[in-house]
């Protein structure tokens, strides 16, 4: 059974940083494309960042230059390092394995 568990969300002030983690069990992350999405109530889920099994990364325009997706194969974990956070980054963040398996989400709130 594949399970993804996100962690690392919280309430931070604008300009702060957070690192989200997505730990997997039941599968090997390095063999899959991993993605981070975010969703605000009433809006569609938005793709934030993606890392392929070959390690290539892509980012949404809103995330480029501020967010970094990475993977620790030994820990079977994917990370999303977020810097210079803005109130518009407030959302529930989800990790996904190839858009097939999903975690439960972790709330990120950016507010002064």
C-alpha atoms as a PDB file:
ATOM      1  CA  UNK A   1       0.000   0.000   0.000  1.00  0.00           C
ATOM      2  CA  UNK A   2       1.424   3.330  -1.071  1.00  0.00           C
ATOM      3  CA  UNK A   3       1.302   6.120   1.473  1.00  0.00           C
ATOM      4  CA  UNK A   4       2.534   9.689   1.327  1.00  0.00           C
ATOM      5  CA  UNK A   5       2.795  11.814   4.430  1.00  0.00           C
ATOM      6  CA  UNK A   6       3.476  15.537   4.158  1.00  0.00           C
ATOM      7  CA  UNK A   7       4.837  17.640   6.982  1.00  0.00           C
ATOM      8  CA  UNK A   8       6.511  20.970   7.598  1.00  0.00           C
ATOM      9  CA  UNK A   9       3.650  23.364   7.056  1.00  0.00           C
ATOM     10  CA  UNK A  10       2.781  26.129   9.447  1.00  0.00           C
ATOM     11  CA  UNK A  11       2.099  29.796  10.006  1.00  0.00           C
ATOM     12  CA  UNK A  12       4.903  32.130   9.001  1.00  0.00           C
ATOM     13  CA  UNK A  13       5.375  35.812   8.270  1.00  0.00           C
ATOM     14  CA  UNK A  14       5.952  37.151   4.766  1.00  0.00           C
ATOM     15  CA  UNK A  15       9.562  36.727   3.721  1.00  0.00           C
ATOM     16  CA  UNK A  16      10.086  33.620   5.833  1.00  0.00           C
ATOM     17  CA  UNK A  17      11.085  30.153   4.671  1.00  0.00           C
ATOM     18  CA  UNK A  18       9.620  26.706   5.147  1.00  0.00           C
ATOM     19  CA  UNK A  19      10.677  23.255   4.091  1.00  0.00           C
ATOM     20  CA  UNK A  20       7.945  20.769   3.340  1.00  0.00           C
ATOM     21  CA  UNK A  21       8.644  17.051   3.437  1.00  0.00           C
ATOM     22  CA  UNK A  22       6.823  14.191   1.783  1.00  0.00           C
ATOM     23  CA  UNK A  23       7.746  10.764   3.084  1.00  0.00           C
ATOM     24  CA  UNK A  24       6.696   7.737   1.105  1.00  0.00           C
ATOM     25  CA  UNK A  25       6.114   4.130   1.991  1.00  0.00           C
ATOM     26  CA  UNK A  26       5.113   1.231  -0.188  1.00  0.00           C
ATOM     27  CA  UNK A  27       6.974   2.508  -3.211  1.00  0.00           C
ATOM     28  CA  UNK A  28      10.331   3.918  -4.241  1.00  0.00           C
ATOM     29  CA  UNK A  29      10.159   7.640  -4.886  1.00  0.00           C
ATOM     30  CA  UNK A  30      13.280   7.695  -7.020  1.00  0.00           C
ATOM     31  CA  UNK A  31      11.537   5.581  -9.653  1.00  0.00           C
ATOM     32  CA  UNK A  32       8.719   8.056 -10.072  1.00  0.00           C
ATOM     33  CA  UNK A  33       7.976  11.621 -11.009  1.00  0.00           C
ATOM     34  CA  UNK A  34       7.094  13.503  -7.857  1.00  0.00           C
ATOM     35  CA  UNK A  35       5.048  16.683  -7.777  1.00  0.00           C
ATOM     36  CA  UNK A  36       4.034  19.284  -5.254  1.00  0.00           C
ATOM     37  CA  UNK A  37       0.659  20.928  -5.706  1.00  0.00           C
ATOM     38  CA  UNK A  38      -1.189  23.517  -3.689  1.00  0.00           C
ATOM     39  CA  UNK A  39      -4.834  24.373  -3.358  1.00  0.00           C
ATOM     40  CA  UNK A  40      -6.803  27.264  -1.964  1.00  0.00           C
ATOM     41  CA  UNK A  41     -10.475  26.721  -1.083  1.00  0.00           C
ATOM     42  CA  UNK A  42     -12.657  27.447  -4.073  1.00  0.00           C
ATOM     43  CA  UNK A  43      -9.803  27.219  -6.553  1.00  0.00           C
ATOM     44  CA  UNK A  44      -8.326  24.443  -8.649  1.00  0.00           C
ATOM     45  CA  UNK A  45      -5.296  22.554  -7.463  1.00  0.00           C
ATOM     46  CA  UNK A  46      -2.149  24.217  -8.840  1.00  0.00           C
ATOM     47  CA  UNK A  47       1.054  22.431  -9.808  1.00  0.00           C
ATOM     48  CA  UNK A  48       3.955  24.047  -7.965  1.00  0.00           C
ATOM     49  CA  UNK A  49       6.994  21.900  -8.742  1.00  0.00           C
ATOM     50  CA  UNK A  50       7.947  18.593 -10.256  1.00  0.00           C
ATOM     51  CA  UNK A  51      11.000  16.354 -10.161  1.00  0.00           C
ATOM     52  CA  UNK A  52      11.411  13.482 -12.578  1.00  0.00           C
ATOM     53  CA  UNK A  53      12.997  10.147 -11.771  1.00  0.00           C
ATOM     54  CA  UNK A  54      16.010  11.454 -13.657  1.00  0.00           C
ATOM     55  CA  UNK A  55      16.224  14.469 -11.354  1.00  0.00           C
ATOM     56  CA  UNK A  56      15.083  17.146 -13.772  1.00  0.00           C
ATOM     57  CA  UNK A  57      12.911  19.804 -12.186  1.00  0.00           C
ATOM     58  CA  UNK A  58      10.201  22.169 -13.355  1.00  0.00           C
ATOM     59  CA  UNK A  59       8.443  24.962 -11.527  1.00  0.00           C
ATOM     60  CA  UNK A  60       5.353  27.079 -11.818  1.00  0.00           C
ATOM     61  CA  UNK A  61       6.100  30.670 -12.697  1.00  0.00           C
ATOM     62  CA  UNK A  62       4.960  31.699  -9.234  1.00  0.00           C
ATOM     63  CA  UNK A  63       7.491  29.360  -7.626  1.00  0.00           C
ATOM     64  CA  UNK A  64      10.486  29.799  -9.877  1.00  0.00           C
ATOM     65  CA  UNK A  65      13.443  31.352  -8.111  1.00  0.00           C
ATOM     66  CA  UNK A  66      11.875  30.945  -4.653  1.00  0.00           C
ATOM     67  CA  UNK A  67      11.038  27.250  -4.317  1.00  0.00           C
ATOM     68  CA  UNK A  68      13.292  24.250  -4.749  1.00  0.00           C
ATOM     69  CA  UNK A  69      12.132  20.668  -5.097  1.00  0.00           C
ATOM     70  CA  UNK A  70      14.578  17.947  -4.156  1.00  0.00           C
ATOM     71  CA  UNK A  71      14.672  14.294  -3.265  1.00  0.00           C
ATOM     72  CA  UNK A  72      16.549  12.209  -0.724  1.00  0.00           C
ATOM     73  CA  UNK A  73      16.484   8.703  -2.134  1.00  0.00           C
ATOM     74  CA  UNK A  74      17.981   7.154   0.977  1.00  0.00           C
ATOM     75  CA  UNK A  75      15.106   8.545   3.049  1.00  0.00           C
ATOM     76  CA  UNK A  76      12.503   8.003   0.319  1.00  0.00           C
ATOM     77  CA  UNK A  77      11.462  11.591   0.850  1.00  0.00           C
ATOM     78  CA  UNK A  78      10.804  14.577  -1.380  1.00  0.00           C
ATOM     79  CA  UNK A  79      11.202  18.127  -0.157  1.00  0.00           C
ATOM     80  CA  UNK A  80       9.937  21.528  -1.160  1.00  0.00           C
ATOM     81  CA  UNK A  81      12.138  24.332   0.136  1.00  0.00           C
ATOM     82  CA  UNK A  82      10.190  27.562   0.034  1.00  0.00           C
ATOM     83  CA  UNK A  83      11.799  30.946   0.550  1.00  0.00           C
ATOM     84  CA  UNK A  84      10.627  34.550   0.396  1.00  0.00           C
ATOM     85  CA  UNK A  85       7.123  33.396   1.162  1.00  0.00           C
ATOM     86  CA  UNK A  86       4.228  35.655   0.265  1.00  0.00           C
ATOM     87  CA  UNK A  87       0.617  35.742   1.463  1.00  0.00           C
ATOM     88  CA  UNK A  88      -0.363  34.399  -1.982  1.00  0.00           C
ATOM     89  CA  UNK A  89       1.532  31.210  -1.129  1.00  0.00           C
ATOM     90  CA  UNK A  90      -1.050  30.413   1.533  1.00  0.00           C
ATOM     91  CA  UNK A  91      -2.619  27.070   0.621  1.00  0.00           C
ATOM     92  CA  UNK A  92      -2.758  23.406   1.450  1.00  0.00           C
ATOM     93  CA  UNK A  93       0.260  21.753  -0.139  1.00  0.00           C
ATOM     94  CA  UNK A  94       0.040  18.201  -1.438  1.00  0.00           C
ATOM     95  CA  UNK A  95       2.666  15.844  -2.765  1.00  0.00           C
ATOM     96  CA  UNK A  96       1.863  13.329  -5.431  1.00  0.00           C
ATOM     97  CA  UNK A  97       3.455  10.345  -7.115  1.00  0.00           C
ATOM     98  CA  UNK A  98       2.791  10.829 -10.812  1.00  0.00           C
ATOM     99  CA  UNK A  99      -0.645  12.239 -10.018  1.00  0.00           C
ATOM    100  CA  UNK A 100      -1.770   8.784  -8.954  1.00  0.00           C
ATOM    101  CA  UNK A 101      -1.089   8.741  -5.240  1.00  0.00           C
ATOM    102  CA  UNK A 102      -1.615  11.726  -2.985  1.00  0.00           C
ATOM    103  CA  UNK A 103      -0.780  12.757   0.517  1.00  0.00           C
ATOM    104  CA  UNK A 104      -3.229  14.294   2.952  1.00  0.00           C
ATOM    105  CA  UNK A 105      -1.794  17.780   2.586  1.00  0.00           C
ATOM    106  CA  UNK A 106      -0.088  20.245   4.892  1.00  0.00           C
ATOM    107  CA  UNK A 107      -1.325  23.772   5.522  1.00  0.00           C
ATOM    108  CA  UNK A 108       0.956  26.708   4.797  1.00  0.00           C
ATOM    109  CA  UNK A 109      -0.235  30.099   5.969  1.00  0.00           C
ATOM    110  CA  UNK A 110       1.756  33.236   5.243  1.00  0.00           C
ATOM    111  CA  UNK A 111       0.475  36.193   7.208  1.00  0.00           C
ATOM    112  CA  UNK A 112       1.732  39.088   9.255  1.00  0.00           C
END
